[in-house]
Amino acid sequence: MPVSTTHALLGALIGSGLASGWSTINLGALGGSFLLPLLVSPVMASVMGVTVYSLVRRVRPEIDCACVVQDQSLSISHEAAAVARFAAVPSLLAAPMEKCERMPGIAVRLAIPAALDRIHVLSASAICFARGVNDTPKLAALLVAAGSVSPQGSAALIAVAMGLGGVLLARRVAETMSLKINHLDNAQGISANLITAVLVIFASKWGLPVSTTHVSVGSISGVGARAGTLEWPALRAVLLSWVATLPFAAASAWAAAMLLGPAGLQ
């Protein structure tokens, strides 16, 4: 299940705070700086997903080649033709591959599917950057607040832990995101990735701790709903896991705080 680290962290902070009493929790900051961004951001991502994919889907799927064509329509002498070709302004042609292959005077040919594969990878890398900007400080803050690790050391430890987690346990979550909620093609994946990266980076600029997972699922759901490929049962299961994350984290943290607090340590 693609649950939110931010959601779990917020629940854990609330639970550990409740173990010390309500007075330790800043309800104003909890609502305005945490709960509101967490609730609004996936909805914004879904709306943007529907809007962006409505524009993207207008591109004809049979167009899979882009060519730069040099004008050779002039019937003049060999010497004049050489000068004309040098001076002529080339034109850009987007068409099926078969038409591009038959077109004379092609200077450059680009296979659109191969280019989209590379753009898809770059757009996913943008999410990785956005996640580092918004999620790493939340986790580093816990270590810094404990006073046992320097800010630089905490960031390094978290980077190593996230890398190991990605290598060891990330595959099944990735399959849920990209195949079960919505079987993404390149156009849907690029749209969802860029929406996620933009929203998370924008939230980071304003110091708002949003969930990269929530935003990503929201954008994937939006493009899937517009394309008619969204798997509602899988999305429903993910949403239920979101509902359970915060109270489960809060209860676990409350129990841990009661056991490890001053009375428990004595």
C-alpha atoms as a PDB file:
ATOM      1  CA  MET A   1       0.000   0.000   0.000  1.00  0.00           C
ATOM      2  CA  PRO A   2       1.363   3.468  -0.913  1.00  0.00           C
ATOM      3  CA  VAL A   3       0.775   5.080   2.478  1.00  0.00           C
ATOM      4  CA  SER A   4       2.069   8.507   3.423  1.00  0.00           C
ATOM      5  CA  THR A   5       5.210   8.922   5.516  1.00  0.00           C
ATOM      6  CA  THR A   6       3.981  12.423   6.355  1.00  0.00           C
ATOM      7  CA  HIS A   7       0.608  11.060   7.462  1.00  0.00           C
ATOM      8  CA  ALA A   8       2.254   8.464   9.698  1.00  0.00           C
ATOM      9  CA  LEU A   9       4.679  11.021  11.116  1.00  0.00           C
ATOM     10  CA  LEU A  10       1.842  13.418  11.931  1.00  0.00           C
ATOM     11  CA  GLY A  11      -0.099  10.649  13.681  1.00  0.00           C
ATOM     12  CA  ALA A  12       2.976   9.650  15.659  1.00  0.00           C
ATOM     13  CA  LEU A  13       3.590  13.230  16.790  1.00  0.00           C
ATOM     14  CA  ILE A  14      -0.035  13.564  17.905  1.00  0.00           C
ATOM     15  CA  GLY A  15       0.044  10.250  19.765  1.00  0.00           C
ATOM     16  CA  SER A  16       3.283  10.972  21.576  1.00  0.00           C
ATOM     17  CA  GLY A  17       1.995  14.448  22.430  1.00  0.00           C
ATOM     18  CA  LEU A  18      -1.229  13.064  23.858  1.00  0.00           C
ATOM     19  CA  ALA A  19       0.819  10.869  26.177  1.00  0.00           C
ATOM     20  CA  SER A  20       2.076  14.095  27.777  1.00  0.00           C
ATOM     21  CA  GLY A  21      -1.290  15.892  27.687  1.00  0.00           C
ATOM     22  CA  TRP A  22      -3.282  18.033  25.248  1.00  0.00           C
ATOM     23  CA  SER A  23      -1.379  21.147  26.273  1.00  0.00           C
ATOM     24  CA  THR A  24       1.702  19.958  24.363  1.00  0.00           C
ATOM     25  CA  ILE A  25      -0.140  20.019  21.009  1.00  0.00           C
ATOM     26  CA  ASN A  26      -0.443  23.279  19.063  1.00  0.00           C
ATOM     27  CA  LEU A  27      -3.925  22.818  17.585  1.00  0.00           C
ATOM     28  CA  GLY A  28      -3.679  25.951  15.423  1.00  0.00           C
ATOM     29  CA  ALA A  29      -0.499  24.797  13.718  1.00  0.00           C
ATOM     30  CA  LEU A  30      -1.855  21.238  13.471  1.00  0.00           C
ATOM     31  CA  GLY A  31      -4.905  22.352  11.509  1.00  0.00           C
ATOM     32  CA  GLY A  32      -3.481  25.122   9.333  1.00  0.00           C
ATOM     33  CA  SER A  33       0.015  23.841   8.600  1.00  0.00           C
ATOM     34  CA  PHE A  34      -0.557  20.071   8.537  1.00  0.00           C
ATOM     35  CA  LEU A  35      -4.117  18.800   8.203  1.00  0.00           C
ATOM     36  CA  LEU A  36      -5.311  21.379   5.654  1.00  0.00           C
ATOM     37  CA  PRO A  37      -2.390  20.861   3.195  1.00  0.00           C
ATOM     38  CA  LEU A  38      -2.684  17.088   3.573  1.00  0.00           C
ATOM     39  CA  LEU A  39      -6.393  17.169   2.726  1.00  0.00           C
ATOM     40  CA  VAL A  40      -6.290  19.761  -0.061  1.00  0.00           C
ATOM     41  CA  SER A  41      -3.151  18.677  -1.957  1.00  0.00           C
ATOM     42  CA  PRO A  42      -4.425  15.323  -3.356  1.00  0.00           C
ATOM     43  CA  VAL A  43      -7.679  16.975  -4.441  1.00  0.00           C
ATOM     44  CA  MET A  44      -5.717  19.703  -6.250  1.00  0.00           C
ATOM     45  CA  ALA A  45      -3.546  17.035  -7.869  1.00  0.00           C
ATOM     46  CA  SER A  46      -6.626  15.124  -9.090  1.00  0.00           C
ATOM     47  CA  VAL A  47      -8.185  18.241 -10.607  1.00  0.00           C
ATOM     48  CA  MET A  48      -4.899  19.156 -12.295  1.00  0.00           C
ATOM     49  CA  GLY A  49      -4.578  15.576 -13.568  1.00  0.00           C
ATOM     50  CA  VAL A  50      -7.981  15.758 -15.264  1.00  0.00           C
ATOM     51  CA  THR A  51      -7.182  19.188 -16.739  1.00  0.00           C
ATOM     52  CA  VAL A  52      -3.677  18.409 -17.990  1.00  0.00           C
ATOM     53  CA  TYR A  53      -4.608  15.061 -19.504  1.00  0.00           C
ATOM     54  CA  SER A  54      -7.574  16.648 -21.259  1.00  0.00           C
ATOM     55  CA  LEU A  55      -5.003  18.696 -23.177  1.00  0.00           C
ATOM     56  CA  VAL A  56      -2.463  15.898 -23.645  1.00  0.00           C
ATOM     57  CA  ARG A  57      -4.977  13.414 -25.056  1.00  0.00           C
ATOM     58  CA  ARG A  58      -5.659  15.758 -27.996  1.00  0.00           C
ATOM     59  CA  VAL A  59      -2.306  14.738 -29.479  1.00  0.00           C
ATOM     60  CA  ARG A  60      -3.019  12.079 -32.083  1.00  0.00           C
ATOM     61  CA  PRO A  61      -1.596   8.709 -30.911  1.00  0.00           C
ATOM     62  CA  GLU A  62      -0.629   7.638 -34.447  1.00  0.00           C
ATOM     63  CA  ILE A  63       1.957  10.438 -34.627  1.00  0.00           C
ATOM     64  CA  ASP A  64       5.171   8.727 -33.583  1.00  0.00           C
ATOM     65  CA  CYS A  65       7.818  10.594 -35.581  1.00  0.00           C
ATOM     66  CA  ALA A  66       9.044  14.186 -35.739  1.00  0.00           C
ATOM     67  CA  CYS A  67      11.208  15.189 -38.717  1.00  0.00           C
ATOM     68  CA  VAL A  68      13.094  18.298 -39.766  1.00  0.00           C
ATOM     69  CA  VAL A  69      12.547  18.504 -43.543  1.00  0.00           C
ATOM     70  CA  GLN A  70      14.648  20.582 -45.926  1.00  0.00           C
ATOM     71  CA  ASP A  71      12.669  22.185 -48.782  1.00  0.00           C
ATOM     72  CA  GLN A  72      13.600  20.532 -52.125  1.00  0.00           C
ATOM     73  CA  SER A  73      10.648  21.681 -54.192  1.00  0.00           C
ATOM     74  CA  LEU A  74      12.623  24.154 -56.371  1.00  0.00           C
ATOM     75  CA  SER A  75      13.435  23.058 -59.967  1.00  0.00           C
ATOM     76  CA  ILE A  76      16.644  24.975 -60.610  1.00  0.00           C
ATOM     77  CA  SER A  77      20.231  24.278 -61.566  1.00  0.00           C
ATOM     78  CA  HIS A  78      22.495  22.132 -59.404  1.00  0.00           C
ATOM     79  CA  GLU A  79      24.567  25.129 -58.239  1.00  0.00           C
ATOM     80  CA  ALA A  80      21.480  27.242 -57.450  1.00  0.00           C
ATOM     81  CA  ALA A  81      19.832  24.311 -55.667  1.00  0.00           C
ATOM     82  CA  ALA A  82      22.834  23.973 -53.358  1.00  0.00           C
ATOM     83  CA  VAL A  83      22.555  27.679 -52.443  1.00  0.00           C
ATOM     84  CA  ALA A  84      18.780  27.418 -52.025  1.00  0.00           C
ATOM     85  CA  ARG A  85      19.066  24.380 -49.731  1.00  0.00           C
ATOM     86  CA  PHE A  86      21.636  26.216 -47.621  1.00  0.00           C
ATOM     87  CA  ALA A  87      19.441  29.312 -47.315  1.00  0.00           C
ATOM     88  CA  ALA A  88      16.053  27.591 -47.036  1.00  0.00           C
ATOM     89  CA  VAL A  89      14.364  27.496 -43.669  1.00  0.00           C
ATOM     90  CA  PRO A  90      13.662  23.850 -42.705  1.00  0.00           C
ATOM     91  CA  SER A  91      10.169  22.822 -41.630  1.00  0.00           C
ATOM     92  CA  LEU A  92       9.068  20.514 -38.806  1.00  0.00           C
ATOM     93  CA  LEU A  93       6.824  17.570 -39.678  1.00  0.00           C
ATOM     94  CA  ALA A  94       5.014  15.420 -37.094  1.00  0.00           C
ATOM     95  CA  ALA A  95       3.526  12.311 -38.708  1.00  0.00           C
ATOM     96  CA  PRO A  96       3.396   8.512 -38.557  1.00  0.00           C
ATOM     97  CA  MET A  97       6.773   6.822 -38.973  1.00  0.00           C
ATOM     98  CA  GLU A  98       5.852   5.422 -42.404  1.00  0.00           C
ATOM     99  CA  LYS A  99       5.258   8.925 -43.780  1.00  0.00           C
ATOM    100  CA  CYS A 100       8.480  10.257 -42.282  1.00  0.00           C
ATOM    101  CA  GLU A 101      10.462   7.430 -43.885  1.00  0.00           C
ATOM    102  CA  ARG A 102       9.046   8.264 -47.340  1.00  0.00           C
ATOM    103  CA  MET A 103       9.570  12.001 -47.021  1.00  0.00           C
ATOM    104  CA  PRO A 104      12.544  13.316 -49.092  1.00  0.00           C
ATOM    105  CA  GLY A 105      15.012  15.826 -47.740  1.00  0.00           C
ATOM    106  CA  ILE A 106      14.905  14.750 -44.078  1.00  0.00           C
ATOM    107  CA  ALA A 107      17.680  16.420 -42.078  1.00  0.00           C
ATOM    108  CA  VAL A 108      16.794  15.066 -38.620  1.00  0.00           C
ATOM    109  CA  ARG A 109      14.386  12.337 -37.538  1.00  0.00           C
ATOM    110  CA  LEU A 110      13.209  11.781 -33.942  1.00  0.00           C
ATOM    111  CA  ALA A 111      11.244   8.737 -32.773  1.00  0.00           C
ATOM    112  CA  ILE A 112       8.637  10.181 -30.401  1.00  0.00           C
ATOM    113  CA  PRO A 113       8.087   6.978 -28.311  1.00  0.00           C
ATOM    114  CA  ALA A 114      11.821   6.743 -27.518  1.00  0.00           C
ATOM    115  CA  ALA A 115      11.918  10.445 -26.620  1.00  0.00           C
ATOM    116  CA  LEU A 116       8.866  10.035 -24.368  1.00  0.00           C
ATOM    117  CA  ASP A 117      10.611   7.172 -22.534  1.00  0.00           C
ATOM    118  CA  ARG A 118      13.497   9.485 -21.661  1.00  0.00           C
ATOM    119  CA  ILE A 119      11.159  12.333 -20.678  1.00  0.00           C
ATOM    120  CA  HIS A 120       9.214   9.899 -18.479  1.00  0.00           C
ATOM    121  CA  VAL A 121      12.392   9.007 -16.578  1.00  0.00           C
ATOM    122  CA  LEU A 122      13.308  12.693 -16.182  1.00  0.00           C
ATOM    123  CA  SER A 123       9.817  13.524 -14.888  1.00  0.00           C
ATOM    124  CA  ALA A 124      10.113  10.722 -12.322  1.00  0.00           C
ATOM    125  CA  SER A 125      13.487  12.149 -11.280  1.00  0.00           C
ATOM    126  CA  ALA A 126      11.732  15.473 -10.686  1.00  0.00           C
ATOM    127  CA  ILE A 127       9.513  13.716  -8.121  1.00  0.00           C
ATOM    128  CA  CYS A 128      12.620  12.325  -6.415  1.00  0.00           C
ATOM    129  CA  PHE A 129      13.974  15.869  -6.141  1.00  0.00           C
ATOM    130  CA  ALA A 130      10.636  17.147  -4.811  1.00  0.00           C
ATOM    131  CA  ARG A 131      10.495  14.322  -2.265  1.00  0.00           C
ATOM    132  CA  GLY A 132      13.980  15.189  -1.058  1.00  0.00           C
ATOM    133  CA  VAL A 133      12.997  18.842  -0.699  1.00  0.00           C
ATOM    134  CA  ASN A 134       9.772  18.205   1.240  1.00  0.00           C
ATOM    135  CA  ASP A 135      10.111  14.838   2.995  1.00  0.00           C
ATOM    136  CA  THR A 136      13.727  14.740   4.132  1.00  0.00           C
ATOM    137  CA  PRO A 137      13.429  17.800   6.440  1.00  0.00           C
ATOM    138  CA  LYS A 138      10.457  16.219   8.273  1.00  0.00           C
ATOM    139  CA  LEU A 139      12.433  13.116   9.120  1.00  0.00           C
ATOM    140  CA  ALA A 140      15.652  14.979   9.830  1.00  0.00           C
ATOM    141  CA  ALA A 141      13.775  17.214  12.261  1.00  0.00           C
ATOM    142  CA  LEU A 142      13.097  14.258  14.560  1.00  0.00           C
ATOM    143  CA  LEU A 143      16.782  13.397  14.854  1.00  0.00           C
ATOM    144  CA  VAL A 144      17.774  17.050  15.257  1.00  0.00           C
ATOM    145  CA  ALA A 145      15.119  17.566  17.943  1.00  0.00           C
ATOM    146  CA  ALA A 146      16.484  14.584  19.857  1.00  0.00           C
ATOM    147  CA  GLY A 147      19.827  16.379  20.004  1.00  0.00           C
ATOM    148  CA  SER A 148      21.836  13.251  19.248  1.00  0.00           C
ATOM    149  CA  VAL A 149      22.708  13.935  15.592  1.00  0.00           C
ATOM    150  CA  SER A 150      23.766  17.090  13.771  1.00  0.00           C
ATOM    151  CA  PRO A 151      21.549  18.396  10.936  1.00  0.00           C
ATOM    152  CA  GLN A 152      24.110  17.286   8.340  1.00  0.00           C
ATOM    153  CA  GLY A 153      24.465  13.858   9.950  1.00  0.00           C
ATOM    154  CA  SER A 154      20.702  13.355  10.161  1.00  0.00           C
ATOM    155  CA  ALA A 155      20.255  14.194   6.472  1.00  0.00           C
ATOM    156  CA  ALA A 156      23.014  11.712   5.558  1.00  0.00           C
ATOM    157  CA  LEU A 157      21.489   8.929   7.684  1.00  0.00           C
ATOM    158  CA  ILE A 158      18.051   9.497   6.178  1.00  0.00           C
ATOM    159  CA  ALA A 159      19.439   9.491   2.635  1.00  0.00           C
ATOM    160  CA  VAL A 160      21.134   6.125   3.253  1.00  0.00           C
ATOM    161  CA  ALA A 161      18.004   4.656   4.856  1.00  0.00           C
ATOM    162  CA  MET A 162      15.756   5.866   2.012  1.00  0.00           C
ATOM    163  CA  GLY A 163      18.147   4.449  -0.568  1.00  0.00           C
ATOM    164  CA  LEU A 164      18.207   1.036   1.121  1.00  0.00           C
ATOM    165  CA  GLY A 165      14.421   1.021   1.476  1.00  0.00           C
ATOM    166  CA  GLY A 166      14.027   1.850  -2.191  1.00  0.00           C
ATOM    167  CA  VAL A 167      16.307  -1.011  -3.228  1.00  0.00           C
ATOM    168  CA  LEU A 168      14.867  -3.614  -0.856  1.00  0.00           C
ATOM    169  CA  LEU A 169      11.132  -2.978  -0.507  1.00  0.00           C
ATOM    170  CA  ALA A 170       9.891  -0.438  -3.048  1.00  0.00           C
ATOM    171  CA  ARG A 171       8.937  -2.658  -5.978  1.00  0.00           C
ATOM    172  CA  ARG A 172       5.484  -3.758  -4.790  1.00  0.00           C
ATOM    173  CA  VAL A 173       4.476  -0.204  -3.901  1.00  0.00           C
ATOM    174  CA  ALA A 174       5.662   0.975  -7.320  1.00  0.00           C
ATOM    175  CA  GLU A 175       3.585  -1.735  -9.010  1.00  0.00           C
ATOM    176  CA  THR A 176       0.493  -0.622  -7.084  1.00  0.00           C
ATOM    177  CA  MET A 177       1.044   2.984  -8.153  1.00  0.00           C
ATOM    178  CA  SER A 178       1.835   2.363 -11.812  1.00  0.00           C
ATOM    179  CA  LEU A 179      -0.138  -0.790 -12.666  1.00  0.00           C
ATOM    180  CA  LYS A 180      -2.961  -1.424 -10.184  1.00  0.00           C
ATOM    181  CA  ILE A 181      -4.443   2.026  -9.519  1.00  0.00           C
ATOM    182  CA  ASN A 182      -4.049   2.985 -13.163  1.00  0.00           C
ATOM    183  CA  HIS A 183      -2.086   1.197 -15.877  1.00  0.00           C
ATOM    184  CA  LEU A 184       0.002   4.209 -16.872  1.00  0.00           C
ATOM    185  CA  ASP A 185       1.221   4.872 -20.389  1.00  0.00           C
ATOM    186  CA  ASN A 186       3.887   7.477 -21.171  1.00  0.00           C
ATOM    187  CA  ALA A 187       1.466  10.376 -21.601  1.00  0.00           C
ATOM    188  CA  GLN A 188      -0.341   9.633 -18.327  1.00  0.00           C
ATOM    189  CA  GLY A 189       2.896   8.975 -16.423  1.00  0.00           C
ATOM    190  CA  ILE A 190       4.608  12.174 -17.561  1.00  0.00           C
ATOM    191  CA  SER A 191       1.509  14.237 -16.792  1.00  0.00           C
ATOM    192  CA  ALA A 192       1.129  12.754 -13.298  1.00  0.00           C
ATOM    193  CA  ASN A 193       4.855  13.042 -12.510  1.00  0.00           C
ATOM    194  CA  LEU A 194       5.120  16.696 -13.490  1.00  0.00           C
ATOM    195  CA  ILE A 195       1.943  17.618 -11.582  1.00  0.00           C
ATOM    196  CA  THR A 196       3.289  15.874  -8.475  1.00  0.00           C
ATOM    197  CA  ALA A 197       6.710  17.505  -8.692  1.00  0.00           C
ATOM    198  CA  VAL A 198       5.300  20.999  -9.273  1.00  0.00           C
ATOM    199  CA  LEU A 199       2.791  20.810  -6.407  1.00  0.00           C
ATOM    200  CA  VAL A 200       5.262  19.374  -3.889  1.00  0.00           C
ATOM    201  CA  ILE A 201       8.013  21.850  -4.768  1.00  0.00           C
ATOM    202  CA  PHE A 202       5.513  24.728  -4.627  1.00  0.00           C
ATOM    203  CA  ALA A 203       4.347  23.560  -1.185  1.00  0.00           C
ATOM    204  CA  SER A 204       7.972  23.313  -0.048  1.00  0.00           C
ATOM    205  CA  LYS A 205       8.559  26.905  -1.139  1.00  0.00           C
ATOM    206  CA  TRP A 206       5.838  27.943   1.315  1.00  0.00           C
ATOM    207  CA  GLY A 207       7.059  25.635   4.077  1.00  0.00           C
ATOM    208  CA  LEU A 208       4.026  23.328   3.897  1.00  0.00           C
ATOM    209  CA  PRO A 209       4.666  19.642   4.712  1.00  0.00           C
ATOM    210  CA  VAL A 210       2.502  17.848   2.138  1.00  0.00           C
ATOM    211  CA  SER A 211       2.534  14.156   1.323  1.00  0.00           C
ATOM    212  CA  THR A 212       4.336  13.242  -1.898  1.00  0.00           C
ATOM    213  CA  THR A 213       2.422   9.944  -1.852  1.00  0.00           C
ATOM    214  CA  HIS A 214      -0.977  11.634  -1.521  1.00  0.00           C
ATOM    215  CA  VAL A 215      -0.178  14.117  -4.292  1.00  0.00           C
ATOM    216  CA  SER A 216       1.163  11.389  -6.571  1.00  0.00           C
ATOM    217  CA  VAL A 217      -1.868   9.133  -6.087  1.00  0.00           C
ATOM    218  CA  GLY A 218      -4.122  12.141  -6.633  1.00  0.00           C
ATOM    219  CA  SER A 219      -2.481  13.039  -9.944  1.00  0.00           C
ATOM    220  CA  ILE A 220      -2.453   9.406 -11.121  1.00  0.00           C
ATOM    221  CA  SER A 221      -6.150   9.119 -10.232  1.00  0.00           C
ATOM    222  CA  GLY A 222      -6.949  12.349 -12.077  1.00  0.00           C
ATOM    223  CA  VAL A 223      -5.307  11.334 -15.350  1.00  0.00           C
ATOM    224  CA  GLY A 224      -6.753   7.832 -15.014  1.00  0.00           C
ATOM    225  CA  ALA A 225     -10.271   9.141 -14.449  1.00  0.00           C
ATOM    226  CA  ARG A 226      -9.996  11.367 -17.537  1.00  0.00           C
ATOM    227  CA  ALA A 227      -8.579   8.533 -19.634  1.00  0.00           C
ATOM    228  CA  GLY A 228     -11.148   6.027 -18.366  1.00  0.00           C
ATOM    229  CA  THR A 229      -8.449   3.632 -17.123  1.00  0.00           C
ATOM    230  CA  LEU A 230      -8.740   4.186 -13.351  1.00  0.00           C
ATOM    231  CA  GLU A 231      -9.163   1.028 -11.268  1.00  0.00           C
ATOM    232  CA  TRP A 232     -11.642   2.108  -8.603  1.00  0.00           C
ATOM    233  CA  PRO A 233     -11.339  -0.998  -6.334  1.00  0.00           C
ATOM    234  CA  ALA A 234      -7.556  -0.537  -6.077  1.00  0.00           C
ATOM    235  CA  LEU A 235      -7.956   3.187  -5.386  1.00  0.00           C
ATOM    236  CA  ARG A 236     -10.567   2.456  -2.719  1.00  0.00           C
ATOM    237  CA  ALA A 237      -8.143   0.098  -0.951  1.00  0.00           C
ATOM    238  CA  VAL A 238      -5.428   2.762  -1.000  1.00  0.00           C
ATOM    239  CA  LEU A 239      -7.792   5.394   0.415  1.00  0.00           C
ATOM    240  CA  LEU A 240      -8.801   3.037   3.239  1.00  0.00           C
ATOM    241  CA  SER A 241      -5.136   2.501   4.078  1.00  0.00           C
ATOM    242  CA  TRP A 242      -4.752   6.285   4.296  1.00  0.00           C
ATOM    243  CA  VAL A 243      -7.650   6.496   6.751  1.00  0.00           C
ATOM    244  CA  ALA A 244      -6.049   3.831   8.964  1.00  0.00           C
ATOM    245  CA  THR A 245      -2.508   5.251   8.859  1.00  0.00           C
ATOM    246  CA  LEU A 246      -2.894   8.275  11.132  1.00  0.00           C
ATOM    247  CA  PRO A 247      -4.861   6.667  14.009  1.00  0.00           C
ATOM    248  CA  PHE A 248      -2.667   3.547  13.905  1.00  0.00           C
ATOM    249  CA  ALA A 249       0.489   5.667  14.059  1.00  0.00           C
ATOM    250  CA  ALA A 250      -1.011   7.804  16.842  1.00  0.00           C
ATOM    251  CA  ALA A 251      -1.972   4.766  18.943  1.00  0.00           C
ATOM    252  CA  SER A 252       1.437   3.148  18.442  1.00  0.00           C
ATOM    253  CA  ALA A 253       3.283   6.342  19.387  1.00  0.00           C
ATOM    254  CA  TRP A 254       1.033   6.888  22.426  1.00  0.00           C
ATOM    255  CA  ALA A 255       1.755   3.353  23.657  1.00  0.00           C
ATOM    256  CA  ALA A 256       5.492   3.772  23.060  1.00  0.00           C
ATOM    257  CA  ALA A 257       5.543   7.122  24.848  1.00  0.00           C
ATOM    258  CA  MET A 258       3.705   5.680  27.847  1.00  0.00           C
ATOM    259  CA  LEU A 259       6.208   2.827  28.066  1.00  0.00           C
ATOM    260  CA  LEU A 260       9.320   4.912  27.492  1.00  0.00           C
ATOM    261  CA  GLY A 261       8.260   8.060  29.345  1.00  0.00           C
ATOM    262  CA  PRO A 262       9.548   9.033  32.806  1.00  0.00           C
ATOM    263  CA  ALA A 263       7.323   6.519  34.619  1.00  0.00           C
ATOM    264  CA  GLY A 264       8.261   3.723  32.263  1.00  0.00           C
ATOM    265  CA  LEU A 265      11.974   4.432  32.503  1.00  0.00           C
ATOM    266  CA  GLN A 266      11.873   4.272  36.281  1.00  0.00           C
END
